[in-house]
Amino acid sequence: MGIGLTELIILLFVIFAPIWFVAFLDILKNDFKGNEKLIWLLVVIFVPFIGPPCYFFIGFKQKIRGKNQGSPPLG
């Protein structure tokens, strides 16, 4: 029988929706230099299958590190 178009669309949604959502939230909650935040948001929104993986490999390193990011918790 095989997999139908509906099942394929559901499968792709289940796989890519969480990745897209995490990338989208990560971009919103972090700071970037200049217009990089807007550019990454547009890439993730308009290129949903390629944008989030590109963000995690390239854009993740472009975030501005805050004074508390990357430091171990006290105590």
PDB file of N, CA and C in Angstrom:
ATOM      1  N   MET A   1       0.816  -1.185   0.000  1.00  0.00           N
ATOM      2  CA  MET A   1       0.000   0.000   0.000  1.00  0.00           C
ATOM      3  C   MET A   1       0.865   1.256   0.000  1.00  0.00           C
ATOM      4  N   GLY A   2       1.708   1.443   1.001  1.00  0.00           N
ATOM      5  CA  GLY A   2       2.576   2.611   1.041  1.00  0.00           C
ATOM      6  C   GLY A   2       1.973   3.752   1.841  1.00  0.00           C
ATOM      7  N   ILE A   3       2.699   4.808   1.848  1.00  0.00           N
ATOM      8  CA  ILE A   3       2.292   5.990   2.604  1.00  0.00           C
ATOM      9  C   ILE A   3       1.608   6.980   1.663  1.00  0.00           C
ATOM     10  N   GLY A   4       0.520   7.546   2.107  1.00  0.00           N
ATOM     11  CA  GLY A   4      -0.219   8.504   1.289  1.00  0.00           C
ATOM     12  C   GLY A   4       0.280   9.924   1.508  1.00  0.00           C
ATOM     13  N   LEU A   5      -0.226  10.824   0.725  1.00  0.00           N
ATOM     14  CA  LEU A   5       0.184  12.223   0.810  1.00  0.00           C
ATOM     15  C   LEU A   5      -0.192  12.830   2.156  1.00  0.00           C
ATOM     16  N   THR A   6      -1.358  12.497   2.662  1.00  0.00           N
ATOM     17  CA  THR A   6      -1.798  13.031   3.952  1.00  0.00           C
ATOM     18  C   THR A   6      -0.879  12.570   5.074  1.00  0.00           C
ATOM     19  N   GLU A   7      -0.534  11.292   5.069  1.00  0.00           N
ATOM     20  CA  GLU A   7       0.359  10.765   6.095  1.00  0.00           C
ATOM     21  C   GLU A   7       1.744  11.392   5.994  1.00  0.00           C
ATOM     22  N   LEU A   8       2.221  11.632   4.779  1.00  0.00           N
ATOM     23  CA  LEU A   8       3.522  12.254   4.576  1.00  0.00           C
ATOM     24  C   LEU A   8       3.536  13.682   5.113  1.00  0.00           C
ATOM     25  N   ILE A   9       2.483  14.428   4.853  1.00  0.00           N
ATOM     26  CA  ILE A   9       2.388  15.807   5.356  1.00  0.00           C
ATOM     27  C   ILE A   9       2.343  15.817   6.880  1.00  0.00           C
ATOM     28  N   ILE A  10       1.590  14.930   7.466  1.00  0.00           N
ATOM     29  CA  ILE A  10       1.518  14.844   8.935  1.00  0.00           C
ATOM     30  C   ILE A  10       2.871  14.467   9.513  1.00  0.00           C
ATOM     31  N   LEU A  11       3.552  13.521   8.906  1.00  0.00           N
ATOM     32  CA  LEU A  11       4.872  13.101   9.368  1.00  0.00           C
ATOM     33  C   LEU A  11       5.878  14.244   9.302  1.00  0.00           C
ATOM     34  N   LEU A  12       5.891  14.976   8.200  1.00  0.00           N
ATOM     35  CA  LEU A  12       6.800  16.114   8.073  1.00  0.00           C
ATOM     36  C   LEU A  12       6.477  17.197   9.097  1.00  0.00           C
ATOM     37  N   PHE A  13       5.191  17.430   9.339  1.00  0.00           N
ATOM     38  CA  PHE A  13       4.793  18.418  10.337  1.00  0.00           C
ATOM     39  C   PHE A  13       5.259  18.011  11.726  1.00  0.00           C
ATOM     40  N   VAL A  14       5.084  16.739  12.069  1.00  0.00           N
ATOM     41  CA  VAL A  14       5.483  16.253  13.392  1.00  0.00           C
ATOM     42  C   VAL A  14       6.999  16.348  13.576  1.00  0.00           C
ATOM     43  N   ILE A  15       7.752  16.153  12.518  1.00  0.00           N
ATOM     44  CA  ILE A  15       9.208  16.221  12.607  1.00  0.00           C
ATOM     45  C   ILE A  15       9.697  17.661  12.644  1.00  0.00           C
ATOM     46  N   PHE A  16       9.193  18.509  11.756  1.00  0.00           N
ATOM     47  CA  PHE A  16       9.752  19.855  11.607  1.00  0.00           C
ATOM     48  C   PHE A  16       9.121  20.913  12.505  1.00  0.00           C
ATOM     49  N   ALA A  17       7.889  20.737  12.957  1.00  0.00           N
ATOM     50  CA  ALA A  17       7.238  21.758  13.781  1.00  0.00           C
ATOM     51  C   ALA A  17       7.986  22.031  15.083  1.00  0.00           C
ATOM     52  N   PRO A  18       8.407  21.016  15.832  1.00  0.00           N
ATOM     53  CA  PRO A  18       9.155  21.319  17.063  1.00  0.00           C
ATOM     54  C   PRO A  18      10.492  22.017  16.796  1.00  0.00           C
ATOM     55  N   ILE A  19      11.193  21.621  15.741  1.00  0.00           N
ATOM     56  CA  ILE A  19      12.468  22.254  15.402  1.00  0.00           C
ATOM     57  C   ILE A  19      12.244  23.714  15.038  1.00  0.00           C
ATOM     58  N   TRP A  20      11.209  23.971  14.240  1.00  0.00           N
ATOM     59  CA  TRP A  20      10.881  25.330  13.838  1.00  0.00           C
ATOM     60  C   TRP A  20      10.507  26.170  15.056  1.00  0.00           C
ATOM     61  N   PHE A  21       9.689  25.616  15.945  1.00  0.00           N
ATOM     62  CA  PHE A  21       9.214  26.333  17.123  1.00  0.00           C
ATOM     63  C   PHE A  21      10.368  26.682  18.059  1.00  0.00           C
ATOM     64  N   VAL A  22      11.278  25.757  18.297  1.00  0.00           N
ATOM     65  CA  VAL A  22      12.432  26.011  19.170  1.00  0.00           C
ATOM     66  C   VAL A  22      13.327  27.087  18.561  1.00  0.00           C
ATOM     67  N   ALA A  23      13.581  27.026  17.276  1.00  0.00           N
ATOM     68  CA  ALA A  23      14.404  28.040  16.617  1.00  0.00           C
ATOM     69  C   ALA A  23      13.732  29.407  16.709  1.00  0.00           C
ATOM     70  N   PHE A  24      12.435  29.469  16.458  1.00  0.00           N
ATOM     71  CA  PHE A  24      11.690  30.717  16.504  1.00  0.00           C
ATOM     72  C   PHE A  24      11.768  31.342  17.898  1.00  0.00           C
ATOM     73  N   LEU A  25      11.521  30.550  18.935  1.00  0.00           N
ATOM     74  CA  LEU A  25      11.584  31.066  20.305  1.00  0.00           C
ATOM     75  C   LEU A  25      12.996  31.473  20.702  1.00  0.00           C
ATOM     76  N   ASP A  26      13.991  30.717  20.272  1.00  0.00           N
ATOM     77  CA  ASP A  26      15.376  31.045  20.605  1.00  0.00           C
ATOM     78  C   ASP A  26      15.786  32.376  19.973  1.00  0.00           C
ATOM     79  N   ILE A  27      15.357  32.618  18.772  1.00  0.00           N
ATOM     80  CA  ILE A  27      15.657  33.893  18.106  1.00  0.00           C
ATOM     81  C   ILE A  27      14.978  35.037  18.842  1.00  0.00           C
ATOM     82  N   LEU A  28      13.729  34.857  19.234  1.00  0.00           N
ATOM     83  CA  LEU A  28      12.988  35.921  19.910  1.00  0.00           C
ATOM     84  C   LEU A  28      13.572  36.265  21.277  1.00  0.00           C
ATOM     85  N   LYS A  29      14.051  35.286  22.020  1.00  0.00           N
ATOM     86  CA  LYS A  29      14.491  35.560  23.382  1.00  0.00           C
ATOM     87  C   LYS A  29      15.953  36.000  23.486  1.00  0.00           C
ATOM     88  N   ASN A  30      16.719  35.952  22.410  1.00  0.00           N
ATOM     89  CA  ASN A  30      18.122  36.339  22.456  1.00  0.00           C
ATOM     90  C   ASN A  30      18.374  37.614  21.663  1.00  0.00           C
ATOM     91  N   ASP A  31      19.504  38.231  21.954  1.00  0.00           N
ATOM     92  CA  ASP A  31      19.897  39.458  21.258  1.00  0.00           C
ATOM     93  C   ASP A  31      20.932  39.143  20.190  1.00  0.00           C
ATOM     94  N   PHE A  32      20.871  39.913  19.109  1.00  0.00           N
ATOM     95  CA  PHE A  32      21.799  39.788  17.996  1.00  0.00           C
ATOM     96  C   PHE A  32      22.313  41.177  17.641  1.00  0.00           C
ATOM     97  N   LYS A  33      23.376  41.217  16.881  1.00  0.00           N
ATOM     98  CA  LYS A  33      23.904  42.498  16.407  1.00  0.00           C
ATOM     99  C   LYS A  33      23.066  43.005  15.244  1.00  0.00           C
ATOM    100  N   GLY A  34      22.829  44.303  15.221  1.00  0.00           N
ATOM    101  CA  GLY A  34      22.163  44.944  14.091  1.00  0.00           C
ATOM    102  C   GLY A  34      20.825  44.313  13.748  1.00  0.00           C
ATOM    103  N   ASN A  35      20.662  44.000  12.480  1.00  0.00           N
ATOM    104  CA  ASN A  35      19.405  43.432  11.976  1.00  0.00           C
ATOM    105  C   ASN A  35      19.428  41.909  11.877  1.00  0.00           C
ATOM    106  N   GLU A  36      20.400  41.268  12.501  1.00  0.00           N
ATOM    107  CA  GLU A  36      20.510  39.811  12.383  1.00  0.00           C
ATOM    108  C   GLU A  36      19.285  39.089  12.940  1.00  0.00           C
ATOM    109  N   LYS A  37      18.696  39.636  13.994  1.00  0.00           N
ATOM    110  CA  LYS A  37      17.504  39.001  14.575  1.00  0.00           C
ATOM    111  C   LYS A  37      16.363  38.985  13.551  1.00  0.00           C
ATOM    112  N   LEU A  38      16.119  40.108  12.911  1.00  0.00           N
ATOM    113  CA  LEU A  38      15.071  40.197  11.904  1.00  0.00           C
ATOM    114  C   LEU A  38      15.355  39.267  10.726  1.00  0.00           C
ATOM    115  N   ILE A  39      16.594  39.233  10.297  1.00  0.00           N
ATOM    116  CA  ILE A  39      16.968  38.370   9.170  1.00  0.00           C
ATOM    117  C   ILE A  39      16.735  36.904   9.517  1.00  0.00           C
ATOM    118  N   TRP A  40      17.153  36.470  10.713  1.00  0.00           N
ATOM    119  CA  TRP A  40      16.954  35.070  11.089  1.00  0.00           C
ATOM    120  C   TRP A  40      15.472  34.739  11.245  1.00  0.00           C
ATOM    121  N   LEU A  41      14.690  35.674  11.789  1.00  0.00           N
ATOM    122  CA  LEU A  41      13.245  35.432  11.885  1.00  0.00           C
ATOM    123  C   LEU A  41      12.633  35.238  10.506  1.00  0.00           C
ATOM    124  N   LEU A  42      13.008  36.079   9.561  1.00  0.00           N
ATOM    125  CA  LEU A  42      12.473  35.959   8.206  1.00  0.00           C
ATOM    126  C   LEU A  42      12.901  34.652   7.543  1.00  0.00           C
ATOM    127  N   VAL A  43      14.154  34.259   7.757  1.00  0.00           N
ATOM    128  CA  VAL A  43      14.643  32.997   7.175  1.00  0.00           C
ATOM    129  C   VAL A  43      13.870  31.820   7.749  1.00  0.00           C
ATOM    130  N   VAL A  44      13.693  31.804   9.068  1.00  0.00           N
ATOM    131  CA  VAL A  44      12.997  30.680   9.714  1.00  0.00           C
ATOM    132  C   VAL A  44      11.523  30.642   9.313  1.00  0.00           C
ATOM    133  N   ILE A  45      10.900  31.806   9.163  1.00  0.00           N
ATOM    134  CA  ILE A  45       9.478  31.842   8.813  1.00  0.00           C
ATOM    135  C   ILE A  45       9.242  31.469   7.351  1.00  0.00           C
ATOM    136  N   PHE A  46      10.033  32.037   6.441  1.00  0.00           N
ATOM    137  CA  PHE A  46       9.744  31.865   5.013  1.00  0.00           C
ATOM    138  C   PHE A  46      10.447  30.672   4.360  1.00  0.00           C
ATOM    139  N   VAL A  47      11.409  30.075   5.045  1.00  0.00           N
ATOM    140  CA  VAL A  47      12.074  28.874   4.527  1.00  0.00           C
ATOM    141  C   VAL A  47      12.034  27.826   5.658  1.00  0.00           C
ATOM    142  N   PRO A  48      10.841  27.289   5.946  1.00  0.00           N
ATOM    143  CA  PRO A  48      10.669  26.494   7.166  1.00  0.00           C
ATOM    144  C   PRO A  48      11.435  25.178   7.231  1.00  0.00           C
ATOM    145  N   PHE A  49      11.799  24.583   6.118  1.00  0.00           N
ATOM    146  CA  PHE A  49      12.516  23.306   6.185  1.00  0.00           C
ATOM    147  C   PHE A  49      14.029  23.483   6.219  1.00  0.00           C
ATOM    148  N   ILE A  50      14.521  24.585   5.695  1.00  0.00           N
ATOM    149  CA  ILE A  50      15.961  24.829   5.646  1.00  0.00           C
ATOM    150  C   ILE A  50      16.390  25.865   6.682  1.00  0.00           C
ATOM    151  N   GLY A  51      15.511  26.821   7.002  1.00  0.00           N
ATOM    152  CA  GLY A  51      15.837  27.918   7.900  1.00  0.00           C
ATOM    153  C   GLY A  51      16.253  27.496   9.298  1.00  0.00           C
ATOM    154  N   PRO A  52      15.447  26.691  10.009  1.00  0.00           N
ATOM    155  CA  PRO A  52      15.845  26.308  11.371  1.00  0.00           C
ATOM    156  C   PRO A  52      17.164  25.542  11.450  1.00  0.00           C
ATOM    157  N   PRO A  53      17.417  24.543  10.592  1.00  0.00           N
ATOM    158  CA  PRO A  53      18.734  23.902  10.670  1.00  0.00           C
ATOM    159  C   PRO A  53      19.885  24.879  10.390  1.00  0.00           C
ATOM    160  N   CYS A  54      19.685  25.796   9.439  1.00  0.00           N
ATOM    161  CA  CYS A  54      20.715  26.804   9.166  1.00  0.00           C
ATOM    162  C   CYS A  54      20.932  27.687  10.387  1.00  0.00           C
ATOM    163  N   TYR A  55      19.849  28.049  11.054  1.00  0.00           N
ATOM    164  CA  TYR A  55      19.980  28.878  12.255  1.00  0.00           C
ATOM    165  C   TYR A  55      20.783  28.147  13.323  1.00  0.00           C
ATOM    166  N   PHE A  56      20.491  26.866  13.532  1.00  0.00           N
ATOM    167  CA  PHE A  56      21.195  26.137  14.587  1.00  0.00           C
ATOM    168  C   PHE A  56      22.671  25.914  14.252  1.00  0.00           C
ATOM    169  N   PHE A  57      23.023  25.837  12.981  1.00  0.00           N
ATOM    170  CA  PHE A  57      24.422  25.650  12.608  1.00  0.00           C
ATOM    171  C   PHE A  57      25.181  26.958  12.449  1.00  0.00           C
ATOM    172  N   ILE A  58      24.513  28.022  12.020  1.00  0.00           N
ATOM    173  CA  ILE A  58      25.192  29.292  11.724  1.00  0.00           C
ATOM    174  C   ILE A  58      24.782  30.392  12.702  1.00  0.00           C
ATOM    175  N   GLY A  59      23.481  30.645  12.794  1.00  0.00           N
ATOM    176  CA  GLY A  59      22.990  31.774  13.570  1.00  0.00           C
ATOM    177  C   GLY A  59      23.122  31.617  15.068  1.00  0.00           C
ATOM    178  N   PHE A  60      23.148  30.390  15.551  1.00  0.00           N
ATOM    179  CA  PHE A  60      23.253  30.137  16.980  1.00  0.00           C
ATOM    180  C   PHE A  60      24.535  30.745  17.538  1.00  0.00           C
ATOM    181  N   LYS A  61      25.585  30.767  16.738  1.00  0.00           N
ATOM    182  CA  LYS A  61      26.887  31.314  17.155  1.00  0.00           C
ATOM    183  C   LYS A  61      26.919  32.837  17.073  1.00  0.00           C
ATOM    184  N   GLN A  62      25.939  33.448  16.408  1.00  0.00           N
ATOM    185  CA  GLN A  62      25.924  34.893  16.223  1.00  0.00           C
ATOM    186  C   GLN A  62      25.211  35.623  17.359  1.00  0.00           C
ATOM    187  N   LYS A  63      24.664  34.900  18.296  1.00  0.00           N
ATOM    188  CA  LYS A  63      23.961  35.543  19.403  1.00  0.00           C
ATOM    189  C   LYS A  63      24.943  36.348  20.238  1.00  0.00           C
ATOM    190  N   ILE A  64      24.451  37.450  20.797  1.00  0.00           N
ATOM    191  CA  ILE A  64      25.262  38.249  21.708  1.00  0.00           C
ATOM    192  C   ILE A  64      25.192  37.583  23.067  1.00  0.00           C
ATOM    193  N   ARG A  65      26.338  37.283  23.600  1.00  0.00           N
ATOM    194  CA  ARG A  65      26.403  36.632  24.906  1.00  0.00           C
ATOM    195  C   ARG A  65      26.180  37.663  25.998  1.00  0.00           C
ATOM    196  N   GLY A  66      25.216  37.406  26.860  1.00  0.00           N
ATOM    197  CA  GLY A  66      24.945  38.297  27.984  1.00  0.00           C
ATOM    198  C   GLY A  66      25.898  38.018  29.118  1.00  0.00           C
ATOM    199  N   LYS A  67      25.824  38.822  30.160  1.00  0.00           N
ATOM    200  CA  LYS A  67      26.734  38.633  31.277  1.00  0.00           C
ATOM    201  C   LYS A  67      26.436  37.360  32.058  1.00  0.00           C
ATOM    202  N   ASN A  68      25.206  36.857  31.971  1.00  0.00           N
ATOM    203  CA  ASN A  68      24.844  35.634  32.705  1.00  0.00           C
ATOM    204  C   ASN A  68      24.858  34.402  31.837  1.00  0.00           C
ATOM    205  N   GLN A  69      24.910  34.557  30.523  1.00  0.00           N
ATOM    206  CA  GLN A  69      24.889  33.385  29.637  1.00  0.00           C
ATOM    207  C   GLN A  69      26.254  32.719  29.636  1.00  0.00           C
ATOM    208  N   GLY A  70      26.256  31.433  29.722  1.00  0.00           N
ATOM    209  CA  GLY A  70      27.485  30.668  29.644  1.00  0.00           C
ATOM    210  C   GLY A  70      28.212  30.536  30.964  1.00  0.00           C
ATOM    211  N   SER A  71      27.787  31.240  32.013  1.00  0.00           N
ATOM    212  CA  SER A  71      28.451  31.118  33.291  1.00  0.00           C
ATOM    213  C   SER A  71      27.728  30.064  34.139  1.00  0.00           C
ATOM    214  N   PRO A  72      28.470  29.353  34.943  1.00  0.00           N
ATOM    215  CA  PRO A  72      27.839  28.317  35.773  1.00  0.00           C
ATOM    216  C   PRO A  72      26.986  28.953  36.868  1.00  0.00           C
ATOM    217  N   PRO A  73      25.951  28.251  37.312  1.00  0.00           N
ATOM    218  CA  PRO A  73      25.105  28.797  38.384  1.00  0.00           C
ATOM    219  C   PRO A  73      25.877  28.886  39.697  1.00  0.00           C
ATOM    220  N   LEU A  74      25.535  29.887  40.482  1.00  0.00           N
ATOM    221  CA  LEU A  74      26.179  30.045  41.775  1.00  0.00           C
ATOM    222  C   LEU A  74      25.547  29.123  42.801  1.00  0.00           C
ATOM    223  N   GLY A  75      26.370  28.656  43.710  1.00  0.00           N
ATOM    224  CA  GLY A  75      25.812  27.864  44.800  1.00  0.00           C
ATOM    225  C   GLY A  75      26.209  26.496  44.739  1.00  0.00           C
TER     226      GLY A  75
END
